[in-house]
Amino acid sequence: ETLKADYYGPTINFAARVESKALGGQVLVSQPVLDRMGEDLRAELVLANAGRFTFKGIAEPQELYSICPPAIRYRDFPRESQELLCNRCKGPASCPRCDGGEPLLAR
């Protein structure tokens, strides 16, 4: 749906959350997107399992896949994108319990 050229809804929210899990230069897709890609397109790309990720509003972790053209297939991304943690309580970076200071990368 659109409202003054803005898109909204659960699909858009999920796409934004998937994008937030990617590292710089990385393209991540979910299993439903991968399933909808034609065989010709899939044959032209290098696919790698990026791991299982949890998302707000979705009960089960979702498998994500990193896709790239063959020209950059040797670019290395960690298997799972690292989550930012609260500097004080080590919860999510957007911690509701404290201001958290500067976020830290999870180890």
N, C-alpha and C. Protein backbone atom coordinates (compact mmCIF):
# COMPACT_ATOMS: atom_id res chain seq x y z
N GLU A 1 0.84 -1.18 0.00
CA GLU A 1 0.00 0.00 0.00
C GLU A 1 0.88 1.25 0.00
N THR A 2 0.32 2.33 -0.52
CA THR A 2 1.07 3.58 -0.51
C THR A 2 0.24 4.67 0.15
N LEU A 3 0.93 5.61 0.72
CA LEU A 3 0.32 6.79 1.31
C LEU A 3 1.29 7.92 1.04
N LYS A 4 0.97 8.76 0.03
CA LYS A 4 1.86 9.85 -0.37
C LYS A 4 3.25 9.32 -0.70
N ALA A 5 3.32 8.26 -1.49
CA ALA A 5 4.56 7.65 -1.96
C ALA A 5 5.37 6.99 -0.86
N ASP A 6 4.79 6.78 0.32
CA ASP A 6 5.44 6.02 1.37
C ASP A 6 4.85 4.62 1.39
N TYR A 7 5.70 3.63 1.51
CA TYR A 7 5.24 2.25 1.59
C TYR A 7 5.24 1.83 3.05
N TYR A 8 4.27 1.01 3.43
CA TYR A 8 4.20 0.56 4.81
C TYR A 8 3.54 -0.80 4.87
N GLY A 9 3.66 -1.45 6.00
CA GLY A 9 3.05 -2.75 6.21
C GLY A 9 4.06 -3.76 6.70
N PRO A 10 3.60 -4.97 7.07
CA PRO A 10 4.50 -5.97 7.65
C PRO A 10 5.62 -6.42 6.71
N THR A 11 5.36 -6.49 5.41
CA THR A 11 6.39 -6.92 4.48
C THR A 11 7.51 -5.89 4.41
N ILE A 12 7.14 -4.62 4.36
CA ILE A 12 8.14 -3.54 4.33
C ILE A 12 8.92 -3.51 5.64
N ASN A 13 8.23 -3.68 6.76
CA ASN A 13 8.91 -3.70 8.05
C ASN A 13 9.92 -4.84 8.11
N PHE A 14 9.53 -6.02 7.64
CA PHE A 14 10.46 -7.16 7.65
C PHE A 14 11.65 -6.90 6.74
N ALA A 15 11.40 -6.34 5.56
CA ALA A 15 12.50 -6.03 4.63
C ALA A 15 13.49 -5.06 5.27
N ALA A 16 12.98 -4.07 5.97
CA ALA A 16 13.87 -3.10 6.64
C ALA A 16 14.68 -3.78 7.73
N ARG A 17 14.07 -4.71 8.45
CA ARG A 17 14.78 -5.42 9.51
C ARG A 17 15.84 -6.36 8.94
N VAL A 18 15.54 -6.99 7.80
CA VAL A 18 16.55 -7.83 7.14
C VAL A 18 17.72 -6.95 6.71
N GLU A 19 17.43 -5.82 6.11
CA GLU A 19 18.49 -4.90 5.67
C GLU A 19 19.36 -4.49 6.85
N SER A 20 18.77 -4.27 8.01
CA SER A 20 19.54 -3.83 9.17
C SER A 20 20.52 -4.89 9.67
N LYS A 21 20.32 -6.13 9.30
CA LYS A 21 21.23 -7.22 9.70
C LYS A 21 22.45 -7.33 8.79
N ALA A 22 22.41 -6.69 7.62
CA ALA A 22 23.51 -6.79 6.66
C ALA A 22 24.69 -5.92 7.08
N LEU A 23 25.86 -6.37 6.72
CA LEU A 23 27.08 -5.59 6.91
C LEU A 23 27.27 -4.71 5.68
N GLY A 24 28.16 -3.74 5.76
CA GLY A 24 28.40 -2.83 4.63
C GLY A 24 28.70 -3.57 3.35
N GLY A 25 27.94 -3.31 2.30
CA GLY A 25 28.15 -3.94 1.01
C GLY A 25 27.50 -5.31 0.87
N GLN A 26 26.92 -5.82 1.93
CA GLN A 26 26.31 -7.14 1.90
C GLN A 26 24.83 -7.02 1.52
N VAL A 27 24.35 -7.97 0.73
CA VAL A 27 22.93 -8.05 0.38
C VAL A 27 22.40 -9.34 0.98
N LEU A 28 21.42 -9.20 1.88
CA LEU A 28 20.80 -10.36 2.50
C LEU A 28 19.38 -10.53 1.98
N VAL A 29 18.96 -11.78 1.82
CA VAL A 29 17.59 -12.08 1.43
C VAL A 29 17.08 -13.20 2.33
N SER A 30 15.77 -13.23 2.50
CA SER A 30 15.13 -14.28 3.28
C SER A 30 14.81 -15.47 2.39
N GLN A 31 14.42 -16.56 3.01
CA GLN A 31 14.07 -17.77 2.25
C GLN A 31 12.93 -17.52 1.27
N PRO A 32 11.86 -16.80 1.66
CA PRO A 32 10.79 -16.55 0.69
C PRO A 32 11.27 -15.78 -0.55
N VAL A 33 12.19 -14.84 -0.37
CA VAL A 33 12.74 -14.11 -1.53
C VAL A 33 13.56 -15.07 -2.38
N LEU A 34 14.38 -15.88 -1.74
CA LEU A 34 15.20 -16.85 -2.46
C LEU A 34 14.31 -17.82 -3.25
N ASP A 35 13.21 -18.24 -2.64
CA ASP A 35 12.29 -19.16 -3.31
C ASP A 35 11.65 -18.53 -4.55
N ARG A 36 11.49 -17.22 -4.56
CA ARG A 36 10.84 -16.54 -5.67
C ARG A 36 11.81 -16.13 -6.78
N MET A 37 13.09 -16.27 -6.52
CA MET A 37 14.08 -15.94 -7.55
C MET A 37 14.06 -17.02 -8.62
N GLY A 38 14.06 -16.63 -9.86
CA GLY A 38 14.10 -17.60 -10.94
C GLY A 38 15.42 -18.34 -10.98
N GLU A 39 15.41 -19.52 -11.53
CA GLU A 39 16.62 -20.33 -11.63
C GLU A 39 17.72 -19.61 -12.42
N ASP A 40 17.34 -18.86 -13.45
CA ASP A 40 18.33 -18.13 -14.24
C ASP A 40 19.06 -17.11 -13.38
N LEU A 41 18.31 -16.37 -12.57
CA LEU A 41 18.93 -15.36 -11.70
C LEU A 41 19.78 -16.03 -10.63
N ARG A 42 19.26 -17.08 -10.03
CA ARG A 42 20.03 -17.79 -8.99
C ARG A 42 21.32 -18.35 -9.55
N ALA A 43 21.32 -18.78 -10.80
CA ALA A 43 22.52 -19.32 -11.43
C ALA A 43 23.58 -18.25 -11.64
N GLU A 44 23.17 -16.99 -11.74
CA GLU A 44 24.10 -15.88 -11.96
C GLU A 44 24.68 -15.33 -10.67
N LEU A 45 24.18 -15.76 -9.51
CA LEU A 45 24.60 -15.22 -8.23
C LEU A 45 25.33 -16.26 -7.40
N VAL A 46 26.14 -15.77 -6.48
CA VAL A 46 26.76 -16.64 -5.49
C VAL A 46 25.93 -16.51 -4.22
N LEU A 47 25.44 -17.63 -3.72
CA LEU A 47 24.61 -17.66 -2.53
C LEU A 47 25.39 -18.25 -1.37
N ALA A 48 25.23 -17.66 -0.19
CA ALA A 48 25.86 -18.20 1.01
C ALA A 48 24.89 -18.05 2.17
N ASN A 49 24.79 -19.09 2.99
CA ASN A 49 23.94 -19.02 4.17
C ASN A 49 24.58 -18.03 5.15
N ALA A 50 23.83 -17.03 5.57
CA ALA A 50 24.35 -16.01 6.50
C ALA A 50 23.99 -16.33 7.94
N GLY A 51 23.13 -17.32 8.16
CA GLY A 51 22.77 -17.72 9.52
C GLY A 51 21.31 -17.45 9.83
N ARG A 52 20.95 -17.77 11.08
CA ARG A 52 19.58 -17.57 11.56
C ARG A 52 19.55 -16.31 12.40
N PHE A 53 18.52 -15.49 12.18
CA PHE A 53 18.40 -14.21 12.85
C PHE A 53 17.02 -14.09 13.49
N THR A 54 16.96 -13.40 14.61
CA THR A 54 15.68 -13.12 15.24
C THR A 54 15.24 -11.72 14.84
N PHE A 55 13.92 -11.56 14.73
CA PHE A 55 13.34 -10.29 14.33
C PHE A 55 12.16 -9.95 15.22
N LYS A 56 12.02 -8.68 15.52
CA LYS A 56 10.89 -8.18 16.30
C LYS A 56 9.58 -8.57 15.59
N GLY A 57 8.65 -9.11 16.35
CA GLY A 57 7.34 -9.45 15.81
C GLY A 57 7.27 -10.78 15.09
N ILE A 58 8.39 -11.52 15.03
CA ILE A 58 8.40 -12.83 14.37
C ILE A 58 8.91 -13.85 15.39
N ALA A 59 8.08 -14.84 15.67
CA ALA A 59 8.39 -15.78 16.75
C ALA A 59 9.62 -16.64 16.48
N GLU A 60 9.76 -17.15 15.27
CA GLU A 60 10.84 -18.07 14.95
C GLU A 60 12.01 -17.34 14.28
N PRO A 61 13.25 -17.72 14.60
CA PRO A 61 14.39 -17.15 13.87
C PRO A 61 14.26 -17.45 12.38
N GLN A 62 14.75 -16.54 11.56
CA GLN A 62 14.65 -16.67 10.12
C GLN A 62 16.02 -16.88 9.51
N GLU A 63 16.11 -17.80 8.57
CA GLU A 63 17.34 -18.06 7.83
C GLU A 63 17.52 -16.96 6.79
N LEU A 64 18.71 -16.36 6.75
CA LEU A 64 19.01 -15.34 5.75
C LEU A 64 20.17 -15.82 4.88
N TYR A 65 20.20 -15.33 3.65
CA TYR A 65 21.22 -15.72 2.69
C TYR A 65 21.88 -14.48 2.12
N SER A 66 23.19 -14.54 1.99
CA SER A 66 23.95 -13.46 1.38
C SER A 66 24.04 -13.77 -0.11
N ILE A 67 23.76 -12.77 -0.93
CA ILE A 67 23.86 -12.97 -2.38
C ILE A 67 24.82 -11.94 -2.95
N CYS A 68 25.56 -12.33 -3.98
CA CYS A 68 26.47 -11.39 -4.64
C CYS A 68 26.78 -11.89 -6.04
N PRO A 69 27.22 -10.98 -6.91
CA PRO A 69 27.62 -11.43 -8.24
C PRO A 69 28.96 -12.16 -8.15
N PRO A 70 29.26 -13.03 -9.12
CA PRO A 70 30.50 -13.81 -9.09
C PRO A 70 31.77 -12.94 -9.00
N ALA A 71 31.73 -11.73 -9.54
CA ALA A 71 32.92 -10.88 -9.55
C ALA A 71 33.43 -10.56 -8.14
N ILE A 72 32.55 -10.59 -7.15
CA ILE A 72 32.99 -10.29 -5.78
C ILE A 72 32.74 -11.47 -4.84
N ARG A 73 32.72 -12.68 -5.39
CA ARG A 73 32.40 -13.86 -4.59
C ARG A 73 33.40 -14.12 -3.47
N TYR A 74 34.60 -13.59 -3.56
CA TYR A 74 35.60 -13.85 -2.53
C TYR A 74 35.55 -12.85 -1.39
N ARG A 75 34.67 -11.87 -1.47
CA ARG A 75 34.52 -10.92 -0.37
C ARG A 75 33.96 -11.68 0.83
N ASP A 76 34.59 -11.52 1.97
CA ASP A 76 34.23 -12.31 3.14
C ASP A 76 33.35 -11.52 4.09
N PHE A 77 32.24 -12.12 4.48
CA PHE A 77 31.37 -11.58 5.52
C PHE A 77 31.27 -12.64 6.61
N PRO A 78 31.24 -12.22 7.87
CA PRO A 78 31.04 -13.21 8.93
C PRO A 78 29.73 -13.97 8.69
N ARG A 79 29.66 -15.20 9.17
CA ARG A 79 28.46 -16.02 8.97
C ARG A 79 27.22 -15.35 9.53
N GLU A 80 27.33 -14.68 10.65
CA GLU A 80 26.21 -13.95 11.22
C GLU A 80 26.64 -12.51 11.44
N SER A 81 25.77 -11.56 11.08
CA SER A 81 26.04 -10.17 11.38
C SER A 81 26.07 -10.00 12.89
N GLN A 82 26.95 -9.16 13.37
CA GLN A 82 27.07 -8.96 14.80
C GLN A 82 26.01 -7.97 15.28
N GLU A 83 25.46 -8.26 16.45
CA GLU A 83 24.45 -7.40 17.04
C GLU A 83 25.14 -6.36 17.92
N LEU A 84 24.58 -5.16 17.96
CA LEU A 84 25.08 -4.14 18.87
C LEU A 84 24.47 -4.36 20.24
N LEU A 85 25.29 -4.19 21.28
CA LEU A 85 24.83 -4.37 22.65
C LEU A 85 24.92 -3.07 23.43
N CYS A 86 24.05 -2.94 24.43
CA CYS A 86 24.08 -1.80 25.35
C CYS A 86 25.41 -1.85 26.11
N ASN A 87 26.04 -0.70 26.27
CA ASN A 87 27.34 -0.62 26.93
C ASN A 87 27.24 -0.91 28.43
N ARG A 88 26.07 -0.71 29.03
CA ARG A 88 25.93 -0.90 30.47
C ARG A 88 25.42 -2.28 30.86
N CYS A 89 24.28 -2.69 30.29
CA CYS A 89 23.66 -3.94 30.74
C CYS A 89 23.87 -5.09 29.76
N LYS A 90 24.51 -4.83 28.62
CA LYS A 90 24.78 -5.82 27.58
C LYS A 90 23.51 -6.36 26.92
N GLY A 91 22.39 -5.62 27.08
CA GLY A 91 21.16 -5.94 26.36
C GLY A 91 21.24 -5.34 24.96
N PRO A 92 20.10 -5.29 24.22
CA PRO A 92 20.11 -4.69 22.89
C PRO A 92 20.56 -3.23 22.95
N ALA A 93 21.18 -2.74 21.89
CA ALA A 93 21.69 -1.37 21.86
C ALA A 93 20.59 -0.35 22.14
N SER A 94 19.37 -0.64 21.70
CA SER A 94 18.25 0.26 21.97
C SER A 94 17.59 -0.16 23.29
N CYS A 95 18.39 -0.25 24.33
CA CYS A 95 17.97 -0.76 25.62
C CYS A 95 16.94 0.15 26.28
N PRO A 96 15.77 -0.37 26.65
CA PRO A 96 14.77 0.46 27.32
C PRO A 96 15.06 0.65 28.80
N ARG A 97 16.01 -0.13 29.38
CA ARG A 97 16.28 -0.05 30.82
C ARG A 97 17.26 1.05 31.18
N CYS A 98 18.14 1.41 30.28
CA CYS A 98 19.11 2.45 30.59
C CYS A 98 19.51 3.14 29.29
N ASP A 99 20.21 4.26 29.39
CA ASP A 99 20.58 4.97 28.16
C ASP A 99 21.67 4.25 27.39
N GLY A 100 22.45 3.41 28.07
CA GLY A 100 23.38 2.51 27.39
C GLY A 100 24.68 3.12 26.92
N GLY A 101 24.80 4.43 26.82
CA GLY A 101 26.03 5.00 26.29
C GLY A 101 26.30 4.53 24.89
N GLU A 102 27.55 4.41 24.52
CA GLU A 102 27.92 3.94 23.19
C GLU A 102 27.70 2.44 23.09
N PRO A 103 27.04 1.96 22.03
CA PRO A 103 26.85 0.51 21.88
C PRO A 103 28.16 -0.21 21.59
N LEU A 104 28.22 -1.45 21.98
CA LEU A 104 29.37 -2.32 21.74
C LEU A 104 28.97 -3.42 20.78
N LEU A 105 29.93 -3.94 20.03
CA LEU A 105 29.65 -5.11 19.19
C LEU A 105 29.62 -6.35 20.06
N ALA A 106 28.66 -7.21 19.82
CA ALA A 106 28.57 -8.48 20.55
C ALA A 106 29.79 -9.33 20.20
N ARG A 107 30.23 -10.12 21.10
CA ARG A 107 31.36 -11.03 20.87
C ARG A 107 30.87 -12.44 20.82
